[in-house]
Amino acid sequence: MSKIATGEQAEKLVLEYALDASPEKVWRAISIPAFRERWLPGAELADAEPVSTTAGEEASYRIREPEPPFLESIVTFQVRSDTAGGTILRVVHGLADKRLASRPPAANSNTWLMRAA
């Protein structure tokens, strides 16, 4: 299950997943680099720079695009248990690049995700 949030976090992509694994297992998969590499092989998050961590609950990583304009973003994983003994994994991906702060708003009222031509 996934969904994209709107409103309060319009400039961020927010996805939520209901997982059958325990919160502890999901936490290990996102917080230990060797496990993250197995879960996301070859992905930018495999060698991501840690930004902040609240053990067992939330981990944020800074990533940089591999190609120009090399934009930076922050990906945050939030882990919480669900009522069935599984886990709700929330992934919040937002651009953190300071170069974007000076961009004018999009003509079509969208944020950085879609701009009018």
N, C-alpha and C. Protein backbone atom coordinates (compact mmCIF):
# COMPACT_ATOMS: atom_id res chain seq x y z
N MET A 1 0.85 -1.17 0.00
CA MET A 1 0.00 0.00 0.00
C MET A 1 0.89 1.23 0.00
N SER A 2 0.62 2.16 -0.87
CA SER A 2 1.36 3.42 -0.85
C SER A 2 0.43 4.56 -1.18
N LYS A 3 0.83 5.74 -0.74
CA LYS A 3 0.03 6.92 -1.05
C LYS A 3 0.94 8.13 -1.08
N ILE A 4 0.51 9.15 -1.76
CA ILE A 4 1.25 10.39 -1.83
C ILE A 4 0.48 11.43 -1.04
N ALA A 5 1.14 12.09 -0.11
CA ALA A 5 0.49 13.11 0.71
C ALA A 5 0.43 14.42 -0.04
N THR A 6 -0.57 15.19 0.27
CA THR A 6 -0.69 16.54 -0.28
C THR A 6 -0.91 17.49 0.88
N GLY A 7 -1.06 18.75 0.57
CA GLY A 7 -1.36 19.71 1.62
C GLY A 7 -0.14 20.10 2.42
N GLU A 8 -0.04 19.60 3.68
CA GLU A 8 1.00 20.05 4.57
C GLU A 8 2.41 19.78 4.05
N GLN A 9 2.59 18.81 3.20
CA GLN A 9 3.92 18.50 2.69
C GLN A 9 3.92 18.50 1.17
N ALA A 10 3.35 19.56 0.59
CA ALA A 10 3.20 19.62 -0.86
C ALA A 10 4.53 19.61 -1.61
N GLU A 11 5.63 20.02 -0.96
CA GLU A 11 6.92 20.03 -1.64
C GLU A 11 7.72 18.77 -1.38
N LYS A 12 7.10 17.77 -0.79
CA LYS A 12 7.78 16.51 -0.51
C LYS A 12 6.94 15.36 -1.05
N LEU A 13 7.63 14.34 -1.45
CA LEU A 13 6.97 13.11 -1.87
C LEU A 13 6.89 12.23 -0.64
N VAL A 14 5.68 11.81 -0.27
CA VAL A 14 5.48 11.01 0.94
C VAL A 14 4.80 9.71 0.54
N LEU A 15 5.46 8.60 0.87
CA LEU A 15 4.92 7.27 0.58
C LEU A 15 4.81 6.49 1.87
N GLU A 16 3.74 5.70 2.01
CA GLU A 16 3.59 4.83 3.17
C GLU A 16 3.37 3.40 2.71
N TYR A 17 4.02 2.49 3.42
CA TYR A 17 3.91 1.08 3.09
C TYR A 17 3.55 0.29 4.34
N ALA A 18 2.63 -0.65 4.22
CA ALA A 18 2.30 -1.58 5.29
C ALA A 18 3.12 -2.85 5.01
N LEU A 19 4.00 -3.21 5.96
CA LEU A 19 4.89 -4.34 5.79
C LEU A 19 4.58 -5.43 6.81
N ASP A 20 4.77 -6.69 6.43
CA ASP A 20 4.51 -7.82 7.34
C ASP A 20 5.66 -8.05 8.31
N ALA A 21 6.76 -7.38 8.17
CA ALA A 21 7.92 -7.55 9.04
C ALA A 21 7.76 -6.73 10.32
N SER A 22 8.48 -7.13 11.36
CA SER A 22 8.43 -6.39 12.63
C SER A 22 9.14 -5.04 12.47
N PRO A 23 8.78 -4.05 13.30
CA PRO A 23 9.47 -2.76 13.24
C PRO A 23 10.98 -2.89 13.45
N GLU A 24 11.41 -3.80 14.30
CA GLU A 24 12.83 -4.00 14.54
C GLU A 24 13.55 -4.46 13.28
N LYS A 25 12.94 -5.37 12.55
CA LYS A 25 13.55 -5.88 11.31
C LYS A 25 13.62 -4.78 10.25
N VAL A 26 12.55 -4.01 10.12
CA VAL A 26 12.52 -2.91 9.15
C VAL A 26 13.57 -1.86 9.54
N TRP A 27 13.67 -1.57 10.84
CA TRP A 27 14.66 -0.59 11.30
C TRP A 27 16.07 -1.03 10.92
N ARG A 28 16.39 -2.30 11.13
CA ARG A 28 17.72 -2.80 10.75
C ARG A 28 17.95 -2.64 9.25
N ALA A 29 16.92 -2.89 8.45
CA ALA A 29 17.06 -2.81 6.99
C ALA A 29 17.35 -1.39 6.52
N ILE A 30 16.87 -0.39 7.23
CA ILE A 30 17.10 0.99 6.80
C ILE A 30 18.27 1.66 7.49
N SER A 31 18.69 1.15 8.65
CA SER A 31 19.70 1.85 9.43
C SER A 31 21.11 1.25 9.37
N ILE A 32 21.23 0.01 8.96
CA ILE A 32 22.54 -0.63 8.86
C ILE A 32 22.96 -0.63 7.39
N PRO A 33 24.06 0.05 7.06
CA PRO A 33 24.46 0.20 5.65
C PRO A 33 24.53 -1.12 4.87
N ALA A 34 25.06 -2.18 5.45
CA ALA A 34 25.16 -3.45 4.72
C ALA A 34 23.78 -4.02 4.39
N PHE A 35 22.83 -3.87 5.30
CA PHE A 35 21.47 -4.34 5.04
C PHE A 35 20.76 -3.43 4.03
N ARG A 36 21.02 -2.12 4.15
CA ARG A 36 20.40 -1.17 3.21
C ARG A 36 20.88 -1.45 1.80
N GLU A 37 22.16 -1.80 1.64
CA GLU A 37 22.70 -2.13 0.32
C GLU A 37 22.03 -3.38 -0.25
N ARG A 38 21.72 -4.36 0.59
CA ARG A 38 21.02 -5.57 0.12
C ARG A 38 19.58 -5.25 -0.26
N TRP A 39 18.97 -4.33 0.48
CA TRP A 39 17.58 -3.98 0.23
C TRP A 39 17.46 -3.05 -0.98
N LEU A 40 18.43 -2.15 -1.13
CA LEU A 40 18.42 -1.17 -2.22
C LEU A 40 19.72 -1.28 -3.01
N PRO A 41 20.00 -2.42 -3.65
CA PRO A 41 21.29 -2.59 -4.32
C PRO A 41 21.50 -1.57 -5.44
N GLY A 42 22.67 -0.95 -5.41
CA GLY A 42 23.02 0.01 -6.44
C GLY A 42 22.29 1.33 -6.36
N ALA A 43 21.44 1.50 -5.38
CA ALA A 43 20.67 2.73 -5.26
C ALA A 43 21.50 3.82 -4.58
N GLU A 44 21.11 5.07 -4.78
CA GLU A 44 21.81 6.19 -4.18
C GLU A 44 21.83 6.10 -2.66
N LEU A 45 20.84 5.45 -2.07
CA LEU A 45 20.78 5.36 -0.61
C LEU A 45 21.73 4.33 -0.05
N ALA A 46 22.34 3.52 -0.89
CA ALA A 46 23.26 2.52 -0.39
C ALA A 46 24.42 3.16 0.35
N ASP A 47 24.95 4.27 -0.16
CA ASP A 47 26.07 4.98 0.47
C ASP A 47 25.66 6.38 0.91
N ALA A 48 24.44 6.55 1.32
CA ALA A 48 23.93 7.87 1.69
C ALA A 48 24.60 8.39 2.96
N GLU A 49 24.67 9.72 3.05
CA GLU A 49 25.24 10.38 4.23
C GLU A 49 24.16 10.51 5.31
N PRO A 50 24.37 9.92 6.48
CA PRO A 50 23.37 10.06 7.56
C PRO A 50 23.27 11.52 8.00
N VAL A 51 22.05 11.97 8.23
CA VAL A 51 21.81 13.35 8.67
C VAL A 51 21.36 13.35 10.13
N SER A 52 20.37 12.52 10.44
CA SER A 52 19.87 12.42 11.81
C SER A 52 19.20 11.07 12.01
N THR A 53 19.18 10.64 13.28
CA THR A 53 18.57 9.37 13.61
C THR A 53 17.92 9.45 14.98
N THR A 54 16.72 8.92 15.08
CA THR A 54 16.07 8.65 16.36
C THR A 54 15.92 7.14 16.38
N ALA A 55 16.76 6.48 17.15
CA ALA A 55 16.87 5.02 17.12
C ALA A 55 15.51 4.32 17.17
N GLY A 56 15.32 3.42 16.21
CA GLY A 56 14.10 2.63 16.15
C GLY A 56 12.90 3.34 15.57
N GLU A 57 13.02 4.64 15.29
CA GLU A 57 11.86 5.41 14.83
C GLU A 57 12.06 6.12 13.49
N GLU A 58 13.21 6.81 13.35
CA GLU A 58 13.39 7.65 12.17
C GLU A 58 14.86 7.78 11.82
N ALA A 59 15.15 7.71 10.53
CA ALA A 59 16.51 7.93 10.03
C ALA A 59 16.43 8.78 8.78
N SER A 60 17.27 9.83 8.72
CA SER A 60 17.31 10.71 7.56
C SER A 60 18.68 10.64 6.91
N TYR A 61 18.68 10.66 5.57
CA TYR A 61 19.91 10.56 4.80
C TYR A 61 19.93 11.65 3.73
N ARG A 62 21.12 12.19 3.49
CA ARG A 62 21.32 13.16 2.41
C ARG A 62 21.83 12.39 1.20
N ILE A 63 21.21 12.64 0.05
CA ILE A 63 21.67 12.03 -1.19
C ILE A 63 21.89 13.13 -2.22
N ARG A 64 22.73 12.83 -3.19
CA ARG A 64 23.05 13.78 -4.25
C ARG A 64 22.87 13.07 -5.58
N GLU A 65 22.18 13.72 -6.50
CA GLU A 65 22.00 13.12 -7.82
C GLU A 65 23.35 12.86 -8.47
N PRO A 66 23.48 11.75 -9.18
CA PRO A 66 24.77 11.41 -9.79
C PRO A 66 25.08 12.20 -11.07
N GLU A 67 24.10 12.95 -11.59
CA GLU A 67 24.28 13.70 -12.83
C GLU A 67 23.90 15.16 -12.62
N PRO A 68 24.43 16.07 -13.45
CA PRO A 68 24.09 17.49 -13.33
C PRO A 68 22.58 17.69 -13.37
N PRO A 69 22.05 18.57 -12.58
CA PRO A 69 22.72 19.61 -11.80
C PRO A 69 23.12 19.16 -10.39
N PHE A 70 23.20 17.86 -10.10
CA PHE A 70 23.65 17.32 -8.82
C PHE A 70 22.85 17.86 -7.65
N LEU A 71 21.52 17.84 -7.77
CA LEU A 71 20.66 18.33 -6.70
C LEU A 71 20.77 17.43 -5.47
N GLU A 72 20.67 18.04 -4.29
CA GLU A 72 20.70 17.29 -3.05
C GLU A 72 19.29 17.18 -2.50
N SER A 73 19.03 16.05 -1.86
CA SER A 73 17.74 15.86 -1.22
C SER A 73 17.93 15.09 0.07
N ILE A 74 16.90 15.12 0.89
CA ILE A 74 16.88 14.40 2.15
C ILE A 74 15.79 13.34 2.05
N VAL A 75 16.15 12.10 2.36
CA VAL A 75 15.18 11.01 2.41
C VAL A 75 15.08 10.58 3.87
N THR A 76 13.86 10.59 4.40
CA THR A 76 13.63 10.22 5.79
C THR A 76 12.75 8.98 5.82
N PHE A 77 13.19 7.99 6.60
CA PHE A 77 12.41 6.77 6.83
C PHE A 77 11.85 6.84 8.24
N GLN A 78 10.53 6.68 8.35
CA GLN A 78 9.87 6.67 9.66
C GLN A 78 9.24 5.30 9.85
N VAL A 79 9.52 4.67 10.99
CA VAL A 79 9.08 3.31 11.27
C VAL A 79 8.16 3.34 12.48
N ARG A 80 6.99 2.70 12.34
CA ARG A 80 6.10 2.55 13.50
C ARG A 80 5.35 1.23 13.35
N SER A 81 4.97 0.67 14.47
CA SER A 81 4.25 -0.61 14.43
C SER A 81 2.80 -0.37 14.07
N ASP A 82 2.19 -1.40 13.47
CA ASP A 82 0.77 -1.33 13.18
C ASP A 82 0.03 -2.23 14.17
N THR A 83 -1.27 -2.28 14.09
CA THR A 83 -2.06 -3.04 15.05
C THR A 83 -1.96 -4.55 14.86
N ALA A 84 -1.47 -5.00 13.71
CA ALA A 84 -1.38 -6.44 13.42
C ALA A 84 0.01 -7.01 13.70
N GLY A 85 0.90 -6.24 14.29
CA GLY A 85 2.24 -6.72 14.58
C GLY A 85 3.24 -6.46 13.47
N GLY A 86 2.79 -5.83 12.40
CA GLY A 86 3.67 -5.47 11.29
C GLY A 86 4.20 -4.06 11.47
N THR A 87 4.55 -3.46 10.35
CA THR A 87 5.18 -2.14 10.38
C THR A 87 4.58 -1.22 9.34
N ILE A 88 4.43 0.04 9.69
CA ILE A 88 4.13 1.09 8.73
C ILE A 88 5.45 1.80 8.48
N LEU A 89 5.90 1.78 7.23
CA LEU A 89 7.12 2.47 6.83
C LEU A 89 6.70 3.69 6.02
N ARG A 90 7.07 4.85 6.52
CA ARG A 90 6.79 6.11 5.83
C ARG A 90 8.10 6.64 5.27
N VAL A 91 8.12 6.95 3.97
CA VAL A 91 9.30 7.47 3.31
C VAL A 91 8.97 8.88 2.83
N VAL A 92 9.76 9.85 3.31
CA VAL A 92 9.55 11.25 2.95
C VAL A 92 10.79 11.69 2.17
N HIS A 93 10.58 12.11 0.93
CA HIS A 93 11.69 12.54 0.06
C HIS A 93 11.45 13.99 -0.33
N GLY A 94 12.35 14.84 0.11
CA GLY A 94 12.23 16.26 -0.20
C GLY A 94 13.54 16.84 -0.68
N LEU A 95 13.46 17.72 -1.65
CA LEU A 95 14.67 18.39 -2.13
C LEU A 95 15.18 19.34 -1.06
N ALA A 96 16.47 19.30 -0.81
CA ALA A 96 17.08 20.16 0.21
C ALA A 96 18.07 21.13 -0.41
N ASP A 97 18.17 21.14 -1.71
CA ASP A 97 19.17 21.94 -2.40
C ASP A 97 18.82 23.42 -2.29
N LYS A 98 19.75 24.21 -1.77
CA LYS A 98 19.52 25.65 -1.57
C LYS A 98 19.33 26.39 -2.88
N ARG A 99 19.83 25.84 -3.98
CA ARG A 99 19.67 26.50 -5.28
C ARG A 99 18.20 26.58 -5.70
N LEU A 100 17.35 25.74 -5.14
CA LEU A 100 15.95 25.73 -5.52
C LEU A 100 15.14 26.81 -4.80
N ALA A 101 15.68 27.36 -3.74
CA ALA A 101 14.95 28.37 -2.97
C ALA A 101 14.66 29.62 -3.79
N SER A 102 15.48 29.92 -4.77
CA SER A 102 15.30 31.14 -5.56
C SER A 102 14.40 30.94 -6.77
N ARG A 103 13.93 29.73 -6.99
CA ARG A 103 13.06 29.49 -8.15
C ARG A 103 11.69 30.11 -7.93
N PRO A 104 11.12 30.73 -8.97
CA PRO A 104 9.77 31.29 -8.84
C PRO A 104 8.75 30.16 -8.78
N PRO A 105 7.57 30.43 -8.22
CA PRO A 105 6.55 29.39 -8.17
C PRO A 105 6.12 28.99 -9.58
N ALA A 106 5.69 27.75 -9.72
CA ALA A 106 5.26 27.25 -11.02
C ALA A 106 3.96 27.92 -11.45
N ALA A 107 3.81 28.16 -12.72
CA ALA A 107 2.61 28.82 -13.26
C ALA A 107 1.38 27.93 -13.09
N ASN A 108 1.58 26.62 -13.00
CA ASN A 108 0.44 25.71 -12.89
C ASN A 108 0.15 25.31 -11.45
N SER A 109 0.66 26.04 -10.47
CA SER A 109 0.46 25.87 -9.04
C SER A 109 1.09 24.60 -8.47
N ASN A 110 1.83 23.88 -9.28
CA ASN A 110 2.57 22.73 -8.76
C ASN A 110 3.87 23.23 -8.17
N THR A 111 4.51 22.37 -7.39
CA THR A 111 5.80 22.75 -6.81
C THR A 111 6.89 22.29 -7.75
N TRP A 112 8.07 22.03 -7.24
CA TRP A 112 9.22 21.64 -8.05
C TRP A 112 9.00 20.36 -8.83
N LEU A 113 7.97 19.58 -8.48
CA LEU A 113 7.76 18.31 -9.17
C LEU A 113 7.36 18.50 -10.62
N MET A 114 6.58 19.54 -10.89
CA MET A 114 6.13 19.80 -12.27
C MET A 114 6.10 21.30 -12.50
N ARG A 115 6.74 21.76 -13.51
CA ARG A 115 6.74 23.18 -13.84
C ARG A 115 6.15 23.37 -15.23
N ALA A 116 5.47 24.48 -15.39
CA ALA A 116 4.89 24.80 -16.70
C ALA A 116 6.01 25.13 -17.68
N ALA A 117 5.83 24.78 -18.92
CA ALA A 117 6.86 25.04 -19.94
C ALA A 117 6.90 26.51 -20.31
